[in-house]
Amino acid sequence: MLKLKFIVPLLIIISAAVWWLMPHYSDGDKGYYIAIFCTLTHDGRGNTAQDMQQIIEGSNADYALQKIHFQQGLADHLQAVWQDLSPEQQQQARQERLSCRRLMSEKLLPGQPVQ
């Protein structure tokens, strides 16, 4: 019984710490990354994380007070979602930017309209 008094609070603390340390991306960040990813895909350029990083960090002005920092985890997650799409879906996404945004948004932003 004494062990249970220590184990339960310890489990609660550990699970709270794991939740706190997990990356949490806003819907705005997800939408921004989807737009960049689909633009790169549609234009026939590489859609790797490095290509996305160049666009995101390259768009920061030198005088900007709040610079946008690249989030590697979100870019990797986008790549994983892309790899999960069927070859037909990937081809459709390459041809039509709106299709790309719709397909990626269904996975990352379920229930939200695509703009």
PDB file of N, CA and C in Angstrom:
ATOM      1  N   MET A   1       0.823  -1.196   0.000  1.00  0.00           N
ATOM      2  CA  MET A   1       0.000   0.000   0.000  1.00  0.00           C
ATOM      3  C   MET A   1       0.859   1.250   0.000  1.00  0.00           C
ATOM      4  N   LEU A   2       1.961   1.184   0.732  1.00  0.00           N
ATOM      5  CA  LEU A   2       2.865   2.331   0.808  1.00  0.00           C
ATOM      6  C   LEU A   2       3.514   2.599  -0.552  1.00  0.00           C
ATOM      7  N   LYS A   3       3.827   1.544  -1.284  1.00  0.00           N
ATOM      8  CA  LYS A   3       4.431   1.705  -2.597  1.00  0.00           C
ATOM      9  C   LYS A   3       3.460   2.381  -3.569  1.00  0.00           C
ATOM     10  N   LEU A   4       2.198   2.055  -3.450  1.00  0.00           N
ATOM     11  CA  LEU A   4       1.186   2.628  -4.330  1.00  0.00           C
ATOM     12  C   LEU A   4       1.079   4.142  -4.135  1.00  0.00           C
ATOM     13  N   LYS A   5       1.284   4.607  -2.902  1.00  0.00           N
ATOM     14  CA  LYS A   5       1.228   6.041  -2.627  1.00  0.00           C
ATOM     15  C   LYS A   5       2.359   6.794  -3.331  1.00  0.00           C
ATOM     16  N   PHE A   6       3.459   6.114  -3.584  1.00  0.00           N
ATOM     17  CA  PHE A   6       4.579   6.751  -4.270  1.00  0.00           C
ATOM     18  C   PHE A   6       4.550   6.528  -5.776  1.00  0.00           C
ATOM     19  N   ILE A   7       4.050   5.387  -6.198  1.00  0.00           N
ATOM     20  CA  ILE A   7       4.059   5.046  -7.620  1.00  0.00           C
ATOM     21  C   ILE A   7       3.052   5.885  -8.403  1.00  0.00           C
ATOM     22  N   VAL A   8       1.858   6.060  -7.897  1.00  0.00           N
ATOM     23  CA  VAL A   8       0.825   6.807  -8.616  1.00  0.00           C
ATOM     24  C   VAL A   8       1.240   8.266  -8.840  1.00  0.00           C
ATOM     25  N   PRO A   9       1.674   9.003  -7.802  1.00  0.00           N
ATOM     26  CA  PRO A   9       2.118  10.386  -8.063  1.00  0.00           C
ATOM     27  C   PRO A   9       3.338  10.447  -8.991  1.00  0.00           C
ATOM     28  N   LEU A  10       4.222   9.470  -8.875  1.00  0.00           N
ATOM     29  CA  LEU A  10       5.387   9.433  -9.742  1.00  0.00           C
ATOM     30  C   LEU A  10       4.972   9.236 -11.197  1.00  0.00           C
ATOM     31  N   LEU A  11       4.012   8.344 -11.441  1.00  0.00           N
ATOM     32  CA  LEU A  11       3.503   8.146 -12.798  1.00  0.00           C
ATOM     33  C   LEU A  11       2.823   9.402 -13.340  1.00  0.00           C
ATOM     34  N   ILE A  12       2.103  10.093 -12.490  1.00  0.00           N
ATOM     35  CA  ILE A  12       1.448  11.334 -12.916  1.00  0.00           C
ATOM     36  C   ILE A  12       2.485  12.388 -13.285  1.00  0.00           C
ATOM     37  N   ILE A  13       3.521  12.507 -12.491  1.00  0.00           N
ATOM     38  CA  ILE A  13       4.580  13.477 -12.770  1.00  0.00           C
ATOM     39  C   ILE A  13       5.319  13.130 -14.050  1.00  0.00           C
ATOM     40  N   ILE A  14       5.613  11.869 -14.252  1.00  0.00           N
ATOM     41  CA  ILE A  14       6.319  11.443 -15.465  1.00  0.00           C
ATOM     42  C   ILE A  14       5.463  11.678 -16.704  1.00  0.00           C
ATOM     43  N   SER A  15       4.186  11.335 -16.631  1.00  0.00           N
ATOM     44  CA  SER A  15       3.327  11.536 -17.805  1.00  0.00           C
ATOM     45  C   SER A  15       3.136  13.025 -18.094  1.00  0.00           C
ATOM     46  N   ALA A  16       3.054  13.849 -17.074  1.00  0.00           N
ATOM     47  CA  ALA A  16       2.947  15.303 -17.295  1.00  0.00           C
ATOM     48  C   ALA A  16       4.226  15.850 -17.919  1.00  0.00           C
ATOM     49  N   ALA A  17       5.375  15.358 -17.477  1.00  0.00           N
ATOM     50  CA  ALA A  17       6.647  15.807 -18.048  1.00  0.00           C
ATOM     51  C   ALA A  17       6.777  15.384 -19.516  1.00  0.00           C
ATOM     52  N   VAL A  18       6.357  14.173 -19.832  1.00  0.00           N
ATOM     53  CA  VAL A  18       6.408  13.700 -21.222  1.00  0.00           C
ATOM     54  C   VAL A  18       5.488  14.550 -22.091  1.00  0.00           C
ATOM     55  N   TRP A  19       4.284  14.833 -21.609  1.00  0.00           N
ATOM     56  CA  TRP A  19       3.357  15.672 -22.382  1.00  0.00           C
ATOM     57  C   TRP A  19       3.938  17.068 -22.570  1.00  0.00           C
ATOM     58  N   TRP A  20       4.560  17.627 -21.538  1.00  0.00           N
ATOM     59  CA  TRP A  20       5.121  18.963 -21.608  1.00  0.00           C
ATOM     60  C   TRP A  20       6.284  19.036 -22.600  1.00  0.00           C
ATOM     61  N   LEU A  21       7.081  17.996 -22.683  1.00  0.00           N
ATOM     62  CA  LEU A  21       8.258  17.998 -23.542  1.00  0.00           C
ATOM     63  C   LEU A  21       7.946  17.619 -24.990  1.00  0.00           C
ATOM     64  N   MET A  22       6.771  17.042 -25.239  1.00  0.00           N
ATOM     65  CA  MET A  22       6.385  16.707 -26.612  1.00  0.00           C
ATOM     66  C   MET A  22       6.174  17.994 -27.402  1.00  0.00           C
ATOM     67  N   PRO A  23       6.568  17.999 -28.677  1.00  0.00           N
ATOM     68  CA  PRO A  23       6.326  19.212 -29.464  1.00  0.00           C
ATOM     69  C   PRO A  23       4.832  19.391 -29.756  1.00  0.00           C
ATOM     70  N   HIS A  24       4.375  20.603 -29.589  1.00  0.00           N
ATOM     71  CA  HIS A  24       2.988  20.955 -29.870  1.00  0.00           C
ATOM     72  C   HIS A  24       3.018  22.060 -30.919  1.00  0.00           C
ATOM     73  N   TYR A  25       2.482  21.782 -32.090  1.00  0.00           N
ATOM     74  CA  TYR A  25       2.492  22.744 -33.185  1.00  0.00           C
ATOM     75  C   TYR A  25       1.113  23.368 -33.322  1.00  0.00           C
ATOM     76  N   SER A  26       1.102  24.669 -33.519  1.00  0.00           N
ATOM     77  CA  SER A  26      -0.181  25.358 -33.690  1.00  0.00           C
ATOM     78  C   SER A  26      -0.738  25.057 -35.076  1.00  0.00           C
ATOM     79  N   ASP A  27      -2.041  25.264 -35.217  1.00  0.00           N
ATOM     80  CA  ASP A  27      -2.677  25.062 -36.516  1.00  0.00           C
ATOM     81  C   ASP A  27      -2.126  26.045 -37.546  1.00  0.00           C
ATOM     82  N   GLY A  28      -1.763  27.235 -37.082  1.00  0.00           N
ATOM     83  CA  GLY A  28      -1.176  28.219 -37.980  1.00  0.00           C
ATOM     84  C   GLY A  28       0.166  27.762 -38.531  1.00  0.00           C
ATOM     85  N   ASP A  29       0.990  27.174 -37.656  1.00  0.00           N
ATOM     86  CA  ASP A  29       2.283  26.649 -38.106  1.00  0.00           C
ATOM     87  C   ASP A  29       2.081  25.509 -39.107  1.00  0.00           C
ATOM     88  N   LYS A  30       1.142  24.631 -38.802  1.00  0.00           N
ATOM     89  CA  LYS A  30       0.874  23.516 -39.708  1.00  0.00           C
ATOM     90  C   LYS A  30       0.411  24.013 -41.069  1.00  0.00           C
ATOM     91  N   GLY A  31      -0.494  24.985 -41.078  1.00  0.00           N
ATOM     92  CA  GLY A  31      -0.985  25.538 -42.332  1.00  0.00           C
ATOM     93  C   GLY A  31       0.124  26.210 -43.127  1.00  0.00           C
ATOM     94  N   TYR A  32       1.001  26.926 -42.447  1.00  0.00           N
ATOM     95  CA  TYR A  32       2.127  27.601 -43.098  1.00  0.00           C
ATOM     96  C   TYR A  32       3.071  26.581 -43.726  1.00  0.00           C
ATOM     97  N   TYR A  33       3.387  25.535 -43.002  1.00  0.00           N
ATOM     98  CA  TYR A  33       4.285  24.507 -43.522  1.00  0.00           C
ATOM     99  C   TYR A  33       3.641  23.737 -44.679  1.00  0.00           C
ATOM    100  N   ILE A  34       2.338  23.494 -44.595  1.00  0.00           N
ATOM    101  CA  ILE A  34       1.633  22.818 -45.694  1.00  0.00           C
ATOM    102  C   ILE A  34       1.701  23.681 -46.948  1.00  0.00           C
ATOM    103  N   ALA A  35       1.469  24.991 -46.800  1.00  0.00           N
ATOM    104  CA  ALA A  35       1.502  25.891 -47.958  1.00  0.00           C
ATOM    105  C   ALA A  35       2.887  25.899 -48.605  1.00  0.00           C
ATOM    106  N   ILE A  36       3.931  25.955 -47.798  1.00  0.00           N
ATOM    107  CA  ILE A  36       5.291  25.951 -48.348  1.00  0.00           C
ATOM    108  C   ILE A  36       5.591  24.610 -49.004  1.00  0.00           C
ATOM    109  N   PHE A  37       5.231  23.530 -48.336  1.00  0.00           N
ATOM    110  CA  PHE A  37       5.479  22.197 -48.869  1.00  0.00           C
ATOM    111  C   PHE A  37       4.788  22.019 -50.211  1.00  0.00           C
ATOM    112  N   CYS A  38       3.535  22.427 -50.305  1.00  0.00           N
ATOM    113  CA  CYS A  38       2.774  22.249 -51.545  1.00  0.00           C
ATOM    114  C   CYS A  38       3.279  23.170 -52.654  1.00  0.00           C
ATOM    115  N   THR A  39       3.756  24.336 -52.302  1.00  0.00           N
ATOM    116  CA  THR A  39       4.340  25.228 -53.310  1.00  0.00           C
ATOM    117  C   THR A  39       5.598  24.602 -53.891  1.00  0.00           C
ATOM    118  N   LEU A  40       6.448  24.077 -53.032  1.00  0.00           N
ATOM    119  CA  LEU A  40       7.667  23.412 -53.505  1.00  0.00           C
ATOM    120  C   LEU A  40       7.328  22.196 -54.356  1.00  0.00           C
ATOM    121  N   THR A  41       6.346  21.426 -53.940  1.00  0.00           N
ATOM    122  CA  THR A  41       5.951  20.220 -54.662  1.00  0.00           C
ATOM    123  C   THR A  41       5.371  20.571 -56.027  1.00  0.00           C
ATOM    124  N   HIS A  42       4.504  21.568 -56.062  1.00  0.00           N
ATOM    125  CA  HIS A  42       3.836  21.956 -57.308  1.00  0.00           C
ATOM    126  C   HIS A  42       4.825  22.559 -58.312  1.00  0.00           C
ATOM    127  N   ASP A  43       5.790  23.305 -57.821  1.00  0.00           N
ATOM    128  CA  ASP A  43       6.759  23.961 -58.701  1.00  0.00           C
ATOM    129  C   ASP A  43       7.829  23.008 -59.215  1.00  0.00           C
ATOM    130  N   GLY A  44       7.814  21.771 -58.760  1.00  0.00           N
ATOM    131  CA  GLY A  44       8.777  20.782 -59.228  1.00  0.00           C
ATOM    132  C   GLY A  44      10.111  20.853 -58.514  1.00  0.00           C
ATOM    133  N   ARG A  45      10.206  21.705 -57.516  1.00  0.00           N
ATOM    134  CA  ARG A  45      11.444  21.778 -56.737  1.00  0.00           C
ATOM    135  C   ARG A  45      11.436  20.674 -55.697  1.00  0.00           C
ATOM    136  N   GLY A  46      12.558  20.497 -55.051  1.00  0.00           N
ATOM    137  CA  GLY A  46      12.628  19.500 -53.995  1.00  0.00           C
ATOM    138  C   GLY A  46      11.764  19.925 -52.822  1.00  0.00           C
ATOM    139  N   ASN A  47      11.110  18.981 -52.203  1.00  0.00           N
ATOM    140  CA  ASN A  47      10.272  19.299 -51.051  1.00  0.00           C
ATOM    141  C   ASN A  47      10.867  18.697 -49.777  1.00  0.00           C
ATOM    142  N   THR A  48      12.187  18.668 -49.710  1.00  0.00           N
ATOM    143  CA  THR A  48      12.857  18.126 -48.537  1.00  0.00           C
ATOM    144  C   THR A  48      12.825  19.143 -47.404  1.00  0.00           C
ATOM    145  N   ALA A  49      13.179  18.692 -46.236  1.00  0.00           N
ATOM    146  CA  ALA A  49      13.207  19.581 -45.071  1.00  0.00           C
ATOM    147  C   ALA A  49      14.216  20.707 -45.270  1.00  0.00           C
ATOM    148  N   GLN A  50      15.332  20.427 -45.938  1.00  0.00           N
ATOM    149  CA  GLN A  50      16.338  21.457 -46.178  1.00  0.00           C
ATOM    150  C   GLN A  50      15.794  22.541 -47.111  1.00  0.00           C
ATOM    151  N   ASP A  51      15.033  22.147 -48.127  1.00  0.00           N
ATOM    152  CA  ASP A  51      14.430  23.121 -49.033  1.00  0.00           C
ATOM    153  C   ASP A  51      13.428  23.998 -48.283  1.00  0.00           C
ATOM    154  N   MET A  52      12.660  23.379 -47.409  1.00  0.00           N
ATOM    155  CA  MET A  52      11.692  24.137 -46.619  1.00  0.00           C
ATOM    156  C   MET A  52      12.413  25.088 -45.663  1.00  0.00           C
ATOM    157  N   GLN A  53      13.509  24.632 -45.096  1.00  0.00           N
ATOM    158  CA  GLN A  53      14.268  25.473 -44.166  1.00  0.00           C
ATOM    159  C   GLN A  53      14.808  26.706 -44.874  1.00  0.00           C
ATOM    160  N   GLN A  54      15.299  26.536 -46.095  1.00  0.00           N
ATOM    161  CA  GLN A  54      15.811  27.675 -46.846  1.00  0.00           C
ATOM    162  C   GLN A  54      14.718  28.709 -47.092  1.00  0.00           C
ATOM    163  N   ILE A  55      13.525  28.254 -47.429  1.00  0.00           N
ATOM    164  CA  ILE A  55      12.411  29.176 -47.686  1.00  0.00           C
ATOM    165  C   ILE A  55      11.994  29.884 -46.392  1.00  0.00           C
ATOM    166  N   ILE A  56      11.811  29.110 -45.332  1.00  0.00           N
ATOM    167  CA  ILE A  56      11.293  29.674 -44.083  1.00  0.00           C
ATOM    168  C   ILE A  56      12.286  30.636 -43.455  1.00  0.00           C
ATOM    169  N   GLU A  57      13.515  30.219 -43.297  1.00  0.00           N
ATOM    170  CA  GLU A  57      14.490  31.091 -42.655  1.00  0.00           C
ATOM    171  C   GLU A  57      15.008  32.157 -43.611  1.00  0.00           C
ATOM    172  N   GLY A  58      14.939  31.901 -44.904  1.00  0.00           N
ATOM    173  CA  GLY A  58      15.358  32.894 -45.872  1.00  0.00           C
ATOM    174  C   GLY A  58      14.362  34.030 -46.022  1.00  0.00           C
ATOM    175  N   SER A  59      13.127  33.820 -45.585  1.00  0.00           N
ATOM    176  CA  SER A  59      12.118  34.865 -45.707  1.00  0.00           C
ATOM    177  C   SER A  59      12.172  35.859 -44.549  1.00  0.00           C
ATOM    178  N   ASN A  60      13.016  35.599 -43.565  1.00  0.00           N
ATOM    179  CA  ASN A  60      13.164  36.527 -42.445  1.00  0.00           C
ATOM    180  C   ASN A  60      13.970  37.750 -42.881  1.00  0.00           C
ATOM    181  N   ALA A  61      13.442  38.913 -42.625  1.00  0.00           N
ATOM    182  CA  ALA A  61      14.186  40.139 -42.903  1.00  0.00           C
ATOM    183  C   ALA A  61      15.227  40.342 -41.811  1.00  0.00           C
ATOM    184  N   ASP A  62      16.321  40.962 -42.169  1.00  0.00           N
ATOM    185  CA  ASP A  62      17.391  41.199 -41.195  1.00  0.00           C
ATOM    186  C   ASP A  62      16.924  42.067 -40.032  1.00  0.00           C
ATOM    187  N   TYR A  63      15.992  42.960 -40.291  1.00  0.00           N
ATOM    188  CA  TYR A  63      15.535  43.892 -39.272  1.00  0.00           C
ATOM    189  C   TYR A  63      14.315  43.388 -38.505  1.00  0.00           C
ATOM    190  N   ALA A  64      13.855  42.181 -38.807  1.00  0.00           N
ATOM    191  CA  ALA A  64      12.655  41.649 -38.149  1.00  0.00           C
ATOM    192  C   ALA A  64      12.900  41.430 -36.662  1.00  0.00           C
ATOM    193  N   LEU A  65      11.950  41.841 -35.870  1.00  0.00           N
ATOM    194  CA  LEU A  65      12.067  41.641 -34.433  1.00  0.00           C
ATOM    195  C   LEU A  65      11.720  40.215 -34.040  1.00  0.00           C
ATOM    196  N   GLN A  66      10.747  39.645 -34.722  1.00  0.00           N
ATOM    197  CA  GLN A  66      10.364  38.267 -34.458  1.00  0.00           C
ATOM    198  C   GLN A  66      10.631  37.449 -35.712  1.00  0.00           C
ATOM    199  N   LYS A  67      11.687  36.683 -35.678  1.00  0.00           N
ATOM    200  CA  LYS A  67      12.060  35.872 -36.833  1.00  0.00           C
ATOM    201  C   LYS A  67      11.402  34.499 -36.718  1.00  0.00           C
ATOM    202  N   ILE A  68      11.005  33.969 -37.859  1.00  0.00           N
ATOM    203  CA  ILE A  68      10.402  32.642 -37.888  1.00  0.00           C
ATOM    204  C   ILE A  68      11.526  31.619 -37.890  1.00  0.00           C
ATOM    205  N   HIS A  69      11.480  30.719 -36.938  1.00  0.00           N
ATOM    206  CA  HIS A  69      12.500  29.681 -36.835  1.00  0.00           C
ATOM    207  C   HIS A  69      11.954  28.381 -37.406  1.00  0.00           C
ATOM    208  N   PHE A  70      12.811  27.675 -38.096  1.00  0.00           N
ATOM    209  CA  PHE A  70      12.436  26.415 -38.727  1.00  0.00           C
ATOM    210  C   PHE A  70      12.207  25.349 -37.666  1.00  0.00           C
ATOM    211  N   GLN A  71      11.134  24.584 -37.837  1.00  0.00           N
ATOM    212  CA  GLN A  71      10.801  23.499 -36.911  1.00  0.00           C
ATOM    213  C   GLN A  71      11.019  22.166 -37.623  1.00  0.00           C
ATOM    214  N   GLN A  72      12.137  21.557 -37.358  1.00  0.00           N
ATOM    215  CA  GLN A  72      12.534  20.324 -38.032  1.00  0.00           C
ATOM    216  C   GLN A  72      11.509  19.211 -37.821  1.00  0.00           C
ATOM    217  N   GLY A  73      10.977  19.107 -36.620  1.00  0.00           N
ATOM    218  CA  GLY A  73      10.018  18.046 -36.324  1.00  0.00           C
ATOM    219  C   GLY A  73       8.756  18.148 -37.169  1.00  0.00           C
ATOM    220  N   LEU A  74       8.272  19.349 -37.365  1.00  0.00           N
ATOM    221  CA  LEU A  74       7.067  19.542 -38.179  1.00  0.00           C
ATOM    222  C   LEU A  74       7.353  19.239 -39.645  1.00  0.00           C
ATOM    223  N   ALA A  75       8.526  19.646 -40.123  1.00  0.00           N
ATOM    224  CA  ALA A  75       8.900  19.343 -41.510  1.00  0.00           C
ATOM    225  C   ALA A  75       9.042  17.838 -41.716  1.00  0.00           C
ATOM    226  N   ASP A  76       9.630  17.149 -40.746  1.00  0.00           N
ATOM    227  CA  ASP A  76       9.758  15.696 -40.842  1.00  0.00           C
ATOM    228  C   ASP A  76       8.393  15.021 -40.824  1.00  0.00           C
ATOM    229  N   HIS A  77       7.481  15.567 -40.021  1.00  0.00           N
ATOM    230  CA  HIS A  77       6.129  15.009 -39.962  1.00  0.00           C
ATOM    231  C   HIS A  77       5.414  15.183 -41.301  1.00  0.00           C
ATOM    232  N   LEU A  78       5.604  16.331 -41.940  1.00  0.00           N
ATOM    233  CA  LEU A  78       5.032  16.551 -43.270  1.00  0.00           C
ATOM    234  C   LEU A  78       5.581  15.537 -44.275  1.00  0.00           C
ATOM    235  N   GLN A  79       6.871  15.281 -44.208  1.00  0.00           N
ATOM    236  CA  GLN A  79       7.484  14.298 -45.105  1.00  0.00           C
ATOM    237  C   GLN A  79       6.872  12.913 -44.873  1.00  0.00           C
ATOM    238  N   ALA A  80       6.637  12.567 -43.615  1.00  0.00           N
ATOM    239  CA  ALA A  80       6.035  11.266 -43.303  1.00  0.00           C
ATOM    240  C   ALA A  80       4.607  11.177 -43.849  1.00  0.00           C
ATOM    241  N   VAL A  81       3.845  12.256 -43.720  1.00  0.00           N
ATOM    242  CA  VAL A  81       2.482  12.275 -44.259  1.00  0.00           C
ATOM    243  C   VAL A  81       2.528  12.135 -45.775  1.00  0.00           C
ATOM    244  N   TRP A  82       3.469  12.813 -46.420  1.00  0.00           N
ATOM    245  CA  TRP A  82       3.625  12.732 -47.878  1.00  0.00           C
ATOM    246  C   TRP A  82       3.933  11.300 -48.298  1.00  0.00           C
ATOM    247  N   GLN A  83       4.808  10.639 -47.570  1.00  0.00           N
ATOM    248  CA  GLN A  83       5.174   9.263 -47.906  1.00  0.00           C
ATOM    249  C   GLN A  83       4.013   8.303 -47.710  1.00  0.00           C
ATOM    250  N   ASP A  84       3.089   8.639 -46.811  1.00  0.00           N
ATOM    251  CA  ASP A  84       1.921   7.791 -46.578  1.00  0.00           C
ATOM    252  C   ASP A  84       0.863   7.918 -47.676  1.00  0.00           C
ATOM    253  N   LEU A  85       0.944   8.965 -48.492  1.00  0.00           N
ATOM    254  CA  LEU A  85      -0.015   9.131 -49.586  1.00  0.00           C
ATOM    255  C   LEU A  85       0.279   8.111 -50.681  1.00  0.00           C
ATOM    256  N   SER A  86      -0.747   7.704 -51.367  1.00  0.00           N
ATOM    257  CA  SER A  86      -0.562   6.764 -52.478  1.00  0.00           C
ATOM    258  C   SER A  86       0.137   7.479 -53.633  1.00  0.00           C
ATOM    259  N   PRO A  87       0.772   6.735 -54.539  1.00  0.00           N
ATOM    260  CA  PRO A  87       1.408   7.378 -55.701  1.00  0.00           C
ATOM    261  C   PRO A  87       0.432   8.208 -56.538  1.00  0.00           C
ATOM    262  N   GLU A  88      -0.814   7.767 -56.628  1.00  0.00           N
ATOM    263  CA  GLU A  88      -1.808   8.528 -57.369  1.00  0.00           C
ATOM    264  C   GLU A  88      -2.097   9.861 -56.688  1.00  0.00           C
ATOM    265  N   GLN A  89      -2.219   9.829 -55.363  1.00  0.00           N
ATOM    266  CA  GLN A  89      -2.459  11.052 -54.617  1.00  0.00           C
ATOM    267  C   GLN A  89      -1.264  12.003 -54.727  1.00  0.00           C
ATOM    268  N   GLN A  90      -0.061  11.448 -54.690  1.00  0.00           N
ATOM    269  CA  GLN A  90       1.132  12.282 -54.831  1.00  0.00           C
ATOM    270  C   GLN A  90       1.177  12.941 -56.202  1.00  0.00           C
ATOM    271  N   GLN A  91       0.826  12.181 -57.240  1.00  0.00           N
ATOM    272  CA  GLN A  91       0.820  12.739 -58.586  1.00  0.00           C
ATOM    273  C   GLN A  91      -0.221  13.845 -58.709  1.00  0.00           C
ATOM    274  N   GLN A  92      -1.396  13.613 -58.144  1.00  0.00           N
ATOM    275  CA  GLN A  92      -2.450  14.621 -58.168  1.00  0.00           C
ATOM    276  C   GLN A  92      -1.993  15.871 -57.411  1.00  0.00           C
ATOM    277  N   ALA A  93      -1.314  15.688 -56.301  1.00  0.00           N
ATOM    278  CA  ALA A  93      -0.832  16.825 -55.509  1.00  0.00           C
ATOM    279  C   ALA A  93       0.245  17.609 -56.249  1.00  0.00           C
ATOM    280  N   ARG A  94       1.071  16.919 -57.018  1.00  0.00           N
ATOM    281  CA  ARG A  94       2.108  17.609 -57.793  1.00  0.00           C
ATOM    282  C   ARG A  94       1.491  18.479 -58.892  1.00  0.00           C
ATOM    283  N   GLN A  95       0.382  18.018 -59.443  1.00  0.00           N
ATOM    284  CA  GLN A  95      -0.235  18.731 -60.558  1.00  0.00           C
ATOM    285  C   GLN A  95      -1.088  19.909 -60.095  1.00  0.00           C
ATOM    286  N   GLU A  96      -1.687  19.798 -58.942  1.00  0.00           N
ATOM    287  CA  GLU A  96      -2.635  20.801 -58.495  1.00  0.00           C
ATOM    288  C   GLU A  96      -2.338  21.200 -57.051  1.00  0.00           C
ATOM    289  N   ARG A  97      -1.989  22.444 -56.843  1.00  0.00           N
ATOM    290  CA  ARG A  97      -1.598  22.926 -55.521  1.00  0.00           C
ATOM    291  C   ARG A  97      -2.741  22.799 -54.513  1.00  0.00           C
ATOM    292  N   LEU A  98      -3.964  23.082 -54.935  1.00  0.00           N
ATOM    293  CA  LEU A  98      -5.100  22.985 -54.018  1.00  0.00           C
ATOM    294  C   LEU A  98      -5.337  21.537 -53.577  1.00  0.00           C
ATOM    295  N   SER A  99      -5.142  20.596 -54.486  1.00  0.00           N
ATOM    296  CA  SER A  99      -5.272  19.181 -54.120  1.00  0.00           C
ATOM    297  C   SER A  99      -4.223  18.797 -53.089  1.00  0.00           C
ATOM    298  N   CYS A 100      -3.028  19.309 -53.277  1.00  0.00           N
ATOM    299  CA  CYS A 100      -1.955  19.034 -52.316  1.00  0.00           C
ATOM    300  C   CYS A 100      -2.334  19.567 -50.940  1.00  0.00           C
ATOM    301  N   ARG A 101      -2.790  20.810 -50.902  1.00  0.00           N
ATOM    302  CA  ARG A 101      -3.160  21.405 -49.620  1.00  0.00           C
ATOM    303  C   ARG A 101      -4.320  20.656 -48.981  1.00  0.00           C
ATOM    304  N   ARG A 102      -5.264  20.217 -49.805  1.00  0.00           N
ATOM    305  CA  ARG A 102      -6.409  19.486 -49.266  1.00  0.00           C
ATOM    306  C   ARG A 102      -5.968  18.140 -48.691  1.00  0.00           C
ATOM    307  N   LEU A 103      -5.141  17.406 -49.441  1.00  0.00           N
ATOM    308  CA  LEU A 103      -4.685  16.095 -48.983  1.00  0.00           C
ATOM    309  C   LEU A 103      -3.863  16.190 -47.705  1.00  0.00           C
ATOM    310  N   MET A 104      -2.964  17.153 -47.664  1.00  0.00           N
ATOM    311  CA  MET A 104      -2.104  17.298 -46.483  1.00  0.00           C
ATOM    312  C   MET A 104      -2.902  17.816 -45.288  1.00  0.00           C
ATOM    313  N   SER A 105      -3.850  18.709 -45.545  1.00  0.00           N
ATOM    314  CA  SER A 105      -4.658  19.257 -44.453  1.00  0.00           C
ATOM    315  C   SER A 105      -5.577  18.212 -43.843  1.00  0.00           C
ATOM    316  N   GLU A 106      -6.053  17.278 -44.662  1.00  0.00           N
ATOM    317  CA  GLU A 106      -6.897  16.205 -44.124  1.00  0.00           C
ATOM    318  C   GLU A 106      -6.155  15.416 -43.069  1.00  0.00           C
ATOM    319  N   LYS A 107      -4.855  15.260 -43.243  1.00  0.00           N
ATOM    320  CA  LYS A 107      -4.057  14.480 -42.294  1.00  0.00           C
ATOM    321  C   LYS A 107      -3.614  15.312 -41.092  1.00  0.00           C
ATOM    322  N   LEU A 108      -3.220  16.565 -41.331  1.00  0.00           N
ATOM    323  CA  LEU A 108      -2.641  17.376 -40.265  1.00  0.00           C
ATOM    324  C   LEU A 108      -3.637  18.294 -39.579  1.00  0.00           C
ATOM    325  N   LEU A 109      -4.663  18.718 -40.303  1.00  0.00           N
ATOM    326  CA  LEU A 109      -5.659  19.636 -39.760  1.00  0.00           C
ATOM    327  C   LEU A 109      -7.065  19.092 -39.994  1.00  0.00           C
ATOM    328  N   PRO A 110      -7.394  17.946 -39.422  1.00  0.00           N
ATOM    329  CA  PRO A 110      -8.711  17.348 -39.696  1.00  0.00           C
ATOM    330  C   PRO A 110      -9.852  18.241 -39.229  1.00  0.00           C
ATOM    331  N   GLY A 111     -10.859  18.335 -40.082  1.00  0.00           N
ATOM    332  CA  GLY A 111     -12.053  19.089 -39.724  1.00  0.00           C
ATOM    333  C   GLY A 111     -11.968  20.573 -40.008  1.00  0.00           C
ATOM    334  N   GLN A 112     -10.837  21.042 -40.533  1.00  0.00           N
ATOM    335  CA  GLN A 112     -10.711  22.467 -40.831  1.00  0.00           C
ATOM    336  C   GLN A 112     -10.774  22.685 -42.335  1.00  0.00           C
ATOM    337  N   PRO A 113     -11.442  23.746 -42.761  1.00  0.00           N
ATOM    338  CA  PRO A 113     -11.539  24.001 -44.212  1.00  0.00           C
ATOM    339  C   PRO A 113     -10.198  24.434 -44.787  1.00  0.00           C
ATOM    340  N   VAL A 114      -9.973  24.062 -46.035  1.00  0.00           N
ATOM    341  CA  VAL A 114      -8.746  24.438 -46.737  1.00  0.00           C
ATOM    342  C   VAL A 114      -8.990  25.766 -47.419  1.00  0.00           C
ATOM    343  N   GLN A 115      -8.067  26.687 -47.221  1.00  0.00           N
ATOM    344  CA  GLN A 115      -8.200  28.016 -47.830  1.00  0.00           C
ATOM    345  C   GLN A 115      -7.314  28.143 -49.034  1.00  0.00           C
TER     346      GLN A 115
END
